[in-house]
N, C-alpha and C. Protein backbone atom coordinates (compact mmCIF):
# COMPACT_ATOMS: atom_id res chain seq x y z
N UNK A 1 -3.45 84.10 11.22
CA UNK A 1 -4.38 83.74 12.28
C UNK A 1 -5.68 84.51 12.06
N UNK A 2 -6.79 83.78 11.99
CA UNK A 2 -8.07 84.41 11.68
C UNK A 2 -8.84 84.86 12.91
N UNK A 3 -8.48 84.35 14.07
CA UNK A 3 -9.15 84.77 15.31
C UNK A 3 -8.54 86.07 15.78
N UNK A 4 -9.40 87.02 16.13
CA UNK A 4 -8.95 88.35 16.52
C UNK A 4 -9.48 88.70 17.91
N UNK A 5 -9.02 89.83 18.43
CA UNK A 5 -9.44 90.32 19.73
C UNK A 5 -10.96 90.58 19.72
N UNK A 6 -11.61 90.31 20.84
CA UNK A 6 -13.04 90.48 21.07
C UNK A 6 -13.92 89.45 20.34
N UNK A 7 -13.33 88.41 19.74
CA UNK A 7 -14.11 87.31 19.16
C UNK A 7 -14.58 86.39 20.27
N UNK A 8 -15.77 85.82 20.10
CA UNK A 8 -16.26 84.81 21.02
C UNK A 8 -15.84 83.44 20.50
N UNK A 9 -15.15 82.67 21.36
CA UNK A 9 -14.62 81.38 20.94
C UNK A 9 -15.01 80.30 21.94
N UNK A 10 -14.90 79.04 21.49
CA UNK A 10 -15.13 77.88 22.34
C UNK A 10 -13.84 77.07 22.35
N UNK A 11 -13.52 76.49 23.51
CA UNK A 11 -12.31 75.69 23.65
C UNK A 11 -12.62 74.26 23.20
N UNK A 12 -11.79 73.72 22.30
CA UNK A 12 -12.01 72.40 21.72
C UNK A 12 -11.23 71.29 22.42
N UNK A 13 -10.13 71.63 23.10
CA UNK A 13 -9.30 70.60 23.72
C UNK A 13 -8.68 71.13 25.01
N UNK A 14 -8.31 70.21 25.88
CA UNK A 14 -7.64 70.58 27.12
C UNK A 14 -8.58 70.50 28.32
N UNK A 15 -8.09 70.98 29.46
CA UNK A 15 -8.85 70.88 30.71
C UNK A 15 -10.10 71.74 30.70
N UNK A 16 -10.14 72.76 29.88
CA UNK A 16 -11.30 73.67 29.81
C UNK A 16 -12.17 73.41 28.57
N UNK A 17 -12.14 72.20 28.06
CA UNK A 17 -12.90 71.86 26.85
C UNK A 17 -14.39 72.16 27.04
N UNK A 18 -14.97 72.85 26.07
CA UNK A 18 -16.39 73.19 26.12
C UNK A 18 -16.67 74.58 26.67
N UNK A 19 -15.70 75.20 27.33
CA UNK A 19 -15.92 76.54 27.87
C UNK A 19 -15.86 77.57 26.75
N UNK A 20 -16.62 78.64 26.92
CA UNK A 20 -16.62 79.72 25.95
C UNK A 20 -16.11 80.99 26.62
N UNK A 21 -15.63 81.90 25.81
CA UNK A 21 -15.15 83.16 26.34
C UNK A 21 -14.79 84.12 25.23
N UNK A 22 -14.41 85.30 25.65
CA UNK A 22 -14.05 86.38 24.74
C UNK A 22 -12.53 86.49 24.68
N UNK A 23 -11.99 86.62 23.49
CA UNK A 23 -10.54 86.76 23.32
C UNK A 23 -10.15 88.16 23.78
N UNK A 24 -9.23 88.21 24.76
CA UNK A 24 -8.81 89.51 25.28
C UNK A 24 -7.47 89.95 24.69
N UNK A 25 -6.68 88.99 24.20
CA UNK A 25 -5.39 89.34 23.62
C UNK A 25 -4.95 88.24 22.67
N UNK A 26 -4.24 88.62 21.61
CA UNK A 26 -3.73 87.67 20.63
C UNK A 26 -2.21 87.79 20.56
N UNK A 27 -1.53 86.65 20.67
CA UNK A 27 -0.07 86.60 20.57
C UNK A 27 0.28 85.98 19.22
N UNK A 28 0.55 86.81 18.21
CA UNK A 28 0.81 86.32 16.85
C UNK A 28 2.11 85.55 16.76
N UNK A 29 3.13 85.96 17.50
CA UNK A 29 4.45 85.34 17.39
C UNK A 29 4.44 83.88 17.84
N UNK A 30 3.61 83.54 18.82
CA UNK A 30 3.59 82.17 19.33
C UNK A 30 2.27 81.46 19.04
N UNK A 31 1.40 82.05 18.23
CA UNK A 31 0.10 81.47 17.82
C UNK A 31 -0.77 81.09 19.01
N UNK A 32 -0.87 81.99 19.97
CA UNK A 32 -1.71 81.74 21.14
C UNK A 32 -2.67 82.89 21.36
N UNK A 33 -3.77 82.60 22.06
CA UNK A 33 -4.76 83.62 22.40
C UNK A 33 -5.04 83.55 23.89
N UNK A 34 -5.41 84.68 24.47
CA UNK A 34 -5.76 84.79 25.87
C UNK A 34 -7.27 84.97 25.94
N UNK A 35 -7.94 84.05 26.64
CA UNK A 35 -9.40 84.08 26.73
C UNK A 35 -9.79 84.33 28.18
N UNK A 36 -10.71 85.26 28.39
CA UNK A 36 -11.13 85.61 29.74
C UNK A 36 -11.79 84.43 30.43
N UNK A 37 -11.29 84.05 31.62
CA UNK A 37 -11.88 83.00 32.42
C UNK A 37 -11.57 81.58 31.99
N UNK A 38 -10.66 81.40 31.03
CA UNK A 38 -10.31 80.07 30.54
C UNK A 38 -8.82 79.84 30.78
N UNK A 39 -8.46 78.61 31.13
CA UNK A 39 -7.07 78.22 31.41
C UNK A 39 -6.49 79.08 32.53
N UNK A 40 -7.21 79.13 33.64
CA UNK A 40 -6.83 79.96 34.78
C UNK A 40 -5.80 79.22 35.63
N UNK A 41 -4.71 79.91 35.98
CA UNK A 41 -3.66 79.35 36.82
C UNK A 41 -3.50 80.23 38.05
N UNK A 42 -3.08 79.61 39.15
CA UNK A 42 -2.83 80.37 40.38
C UNK A 42 -1.37 80.78 40.40
N UNK A 43 -1.12 82.07 40.48
CA UNK A 43 0.22 82.63 40.48
C UNK A 43 0.54 83.12 41.89
N UNK A 44 1.68 82.72 42.42
CA UNK A 44 2.12 83.20 43.74
C UNK A 44 2.88 84.50 43.53
N UNK A 45 2.36 85.57 44.10
CA UNK A 45 2.91 86.90 43.89
C UNK A 45 3.60 87.39 45.15
N UNK A 46 4.85 87.84 44.99
CA UNK A 46 5.60 88.38 46.12
C UNK A 46 5.09 89.77 46.47
N UNK A 47 5.30 90.21 47.71
CA UNK A 47 4.92 91.59 48.06
C UNK A 47 5.79 92.59 47.31
N UNK A 48 5.18 93.62 46.79
CA UNK A 48 5.90 94.62 46.01
C UNK A 48 6.47 95.75 46.89
N UNK A 49 5.79 96.02 48.00
CA UNK A 49 6.26 97.03 48.96
C UNK A 49 6.37 96.38 50.33
N UNK A 50 6.97 97.10 51.26
CA UNK A 50 7.14 96.56 52.61
C UNK A 50 5.82 96.39 53.35
N UNK A 51 4.84 97.26 53.09
CA UNK A 51 3.57 97.19 53.79
C UNK A 51 2.55 96.27 53.11
N UNK A 52 2.94 95.62 52.02
CA UNK A 52 2.03 94.76 51.27
C UNK A 52 2.33 93.30 51.59
N UNK A 53 1.29 92.45 51.55
CA UNK A 53 1.46 91.03 51.79
C UNK A 53 1.57 90.28 50.46
N UNK A 54 2.22 89.13 50.49
CA UNK A 54 2.24 88.25 49.33
C UNK A 54 0.87 87.63 49.16
N UNK A 55 0.53 87.24 47.94
CA UNK A 55 -0.80 86.71 47.72
C UNK A 55 -0.80 85.72 46.56
N UNK A 56 -1.88 84.96 46.46
CA UNK A 56 -2.07 84.04 45.36
C UNK A 56 -3.13 84.64 44.45
N UNK A 57 -2.77 84.87 43.19
CA UNK A 57 -3.64 85.53 42.23
C UNK A 57 -4.01 84.55 41.13
N UNK A 58 -5.27 84.54 40.73
CA UNK A 58 -5.69 83.71 39.60
C UNK A 58 -5.56 84.53 38.33
N UNK A 59 -4.88 83.96 37.34
CA UNK A 59 -4.60 84.68 36.10
C UNK A 59 -4.84 83.75 34.91
N UNK A 60 -5.48 84.26 33.86
CA UNK A 60 -5.68 83.47 32.65
C UNK A 60 -4.36 83.31 31.91
N UNK A 61 -4.11 82.12 31.39
CA UNK A 61 -2.90 81.83 30.64
C UNK A 61 -3.27 81.65 29.17
N UNK A 62 -2.33 81.91 28.26
CA UNK A 62 -2.63 81.75 26.84
C UNK A 62 -2.89 80.28 26.46
N UNK A 63 -3.71 80.09 25.45
CA UNK A 63 -4.03 78.77 24.92
C UNK A 63 -3.76 78.80 23.42
N UNK A 64 -3.29 77.69 22.86
CA UNK A 64 -2.93 77.65 21.44
C UNK A 64 -4.18 77.83 20.58
N UNK A 65 -4.01 78.55 19.50
CA UNK A 65 -5.13 78.92 18.63
C UNK A 65 -5.77 77.69 17.97
N UNK A 66 -5.02 76.60 17.84
CA UNK A 66 -5.59 75.39 17.23
C UNK A 66 -6.58 74.70 18.16
N UNK A 67 -6.57 75.06 19.43
CA UNK A 67 -7.48 74.45 20.40
C UNK A 67 -8.74 75.27 20.64
N UNK A 68 -8.96 76.31 19.86
CA UNK A 68 -10.17 77.11 19.99
C UNK A 68 -10.84 77.24 18.63
N UNK A 69 -12.16 77.47 18.66
CA UNK A 69 -12.92 77.68 17.43
C UNK A 69 -13.84 78.87 17.61
N UNK A 70 -14.04 79.61 16.54
CA UNK A 70 -14.92 80.77 16.53
C UNK A 70 -16.36 80.32 16.70
N UNK A 71 -17.16 81.08 17.45
CA UNK A 71 -18.58 80.77 17.62
C UNK A 71 -19.37 81.57 16.59
N UNK A 72 -20.14 80.85 15.78
CA UNK A 72 -20.96 81.46 14.74
C UNK A 72 -22.03 82.34 15.37
N UNK A 73 -22.15 83.62 14.94
CA UNK A 73 -23.15 84.50 15.56
C UNK A 73 -24.60 84.06 15.30
N UNK A 74 -24.85 83.37 14.19
CA UNK A 74 -26.22 82.93 13.89
C UNK A 74 -26.59 81.64 14.62
N UNK A 75 -25.77 80.61 14.48
CA UNK A 75 -26.11 79.29 15.02
C UNK A 75 -25.60 79.06 16.44
N UNK A 76 -24.70 79.91 16.94
CA UNK A 76 -24.11 79.79 18.27
C UNK A 76 -23.32 78.49 18.44
N UNK A 77 -22.77 77.96 17.33
CA UNK A 77 -21.96 76.75 17.36
C UNK A 77 -20.59 77.05 16.78
N UNK A 78 -19.64 76.14 17.01
CA UNK A 78 -18.27 76.31 16.52
C UNK A 78 -18.25 76.26 14.99
N UNK A 79 -17.45 77.12 14.40
CA UNK A 79 -17.32 77.16 12.95
C UNK A 79 -15.93 77.64 12.58
N UNK A 80 -15.57 77.42 11.32
CA UNK A 80 -14.31 77.95 10.81
C UNK A 80 -14.59 79.31 10.18
N UNK A 81 -13.53 80.07 10.01
CA UNK A 81 -13.66 81.39 9.41
C UNK A 81 -13.03 81.40 8.02
N UNK A 82 -13.60 82.21 7.15
CA UNK A 82 -13.04 82.40 5.82
C UNK A 82 -13.08 83.87 5.47
N UNK A 83 -12.56 84.18 4.31
CA UNK A 83 -12.56 85.57 3.84
C UNK A 83 -13.31 85.66 2.52
N UNK A 84 -13.92 86.83 2.31
CA UNK A 84 -14.64 87.09 1.08
C UNK A 84 -14.39 88.54 0.70
N UNK A 85 -14.26 88.81 -0.59
CA UNK A 85 -14.10 90.18 -1.06
C UNK A 85 -15.49 90.75 -1.28
N UNK A 86 -15.81 91.80 -0.51
CA UNK A 86 -17.11 92.45 -0.60
C UNK A 86 -16.88 93.87 -1.12
N UNK A 87 -17.03 94.05 -2.42
CA UNK A 87 -16.72 95.34 -3.04
C UNK A 87 -15.22 95.54 -3.06
N UNK A 88 -14.74 96.50 -2.31
CA UNK A 88 -13.30 96.72 -2.22
C UNK A 88 -12.76 96.35 -0.84
N UNK A 89 -13.60 95.71 -0.01
CA UNK A 89 -13.19 95.32 1.33
C UNK A 89 -13.08 93.80 1.44
N UNK A 90 -12.16 93.36 2.29
CA UNK A 90 -12.00 91.94 2.60
C UNK A 90 -12.66 91.71 3.95
N UNK A 91 -13.71 90.86 3.98
CA UNK A 91 -14.47 90.64 5.20
C UNK A 91 -14.37 89.17 5.62
N UNK A 92 -14.49 88.95 6.93
CA UNK A 92 -14.49 87.59 7.46
C UNK A 92 -15.91 87.04 7.42
N UNK A 93 -16.03 85.75 7.07
CA UNK A 93 -17.34 85.10 7.04
C UNK A 93 -17.26 83.79 7.82
N UNK A 94 -18.39 83.40 8.42
CA UNK A 94 -18.49 82.11 9.10
C UNK A 94 -18.78 81.07 8.03
N UNK A 95 -18.02 79.97 8.03
CA UNK A 95 -18.16 78.95 6.99
C UNK A 95 -19.50 78.24 7.04
N UNK A 96 -20.05 77.96 8.23
CA UNK A 96 -21.29 77.19 8.33
C UNK A 96 -22.51 77.97 7.86
N UNK A 97 -22.65 79.22 8.33
CA UNK A 97 -23.84 79.98 8.00
C UNK A 97 -23.62 80.99 6.89
N UNK A 98 -22.37 81.34 6.63
CA UNK A 98 -22.07 82.34 5.60
C UNK A 98 -22.27 83.77 6.09
N UNK A 99 -22.51 83.94 7.39
CA UNK A 99 -22.74 85.27 7.95
C UNK A 99 -21.45 86.06 8.00
N UNK A 100 -21.55 87.35 7.74
CA UNK A 100 -20.41 88.24 7.85
C UNK A 100 -20.12 88.51 9.32
N UNK A 101 -18.85 88.42 9.68
CA UNK A 101 -18.47 88.61 11.08
C UNK A 101 -18.03 90.04 11.28
């Protein structure tokens, strides 16, 4: 999976198509990413203590990595990512502009 934490991505499919956000967590085992403010669901939460009330909390849910694309830092549009060997380091590059990420 080439998308990593703190990458800016755009959603390509689903109810939140076109929204952008920052990746806050990556789930490698299930190929999903958690994006701040995208795919928000309302969760009914029980009271944890006797003096606390139950409440409805909005929480971001994971979205499959195939439904998101990296945003190119130069062109601000969706692009694919690739790798390039730069000296002795392996760096990520944006396919459209060739910029190092």
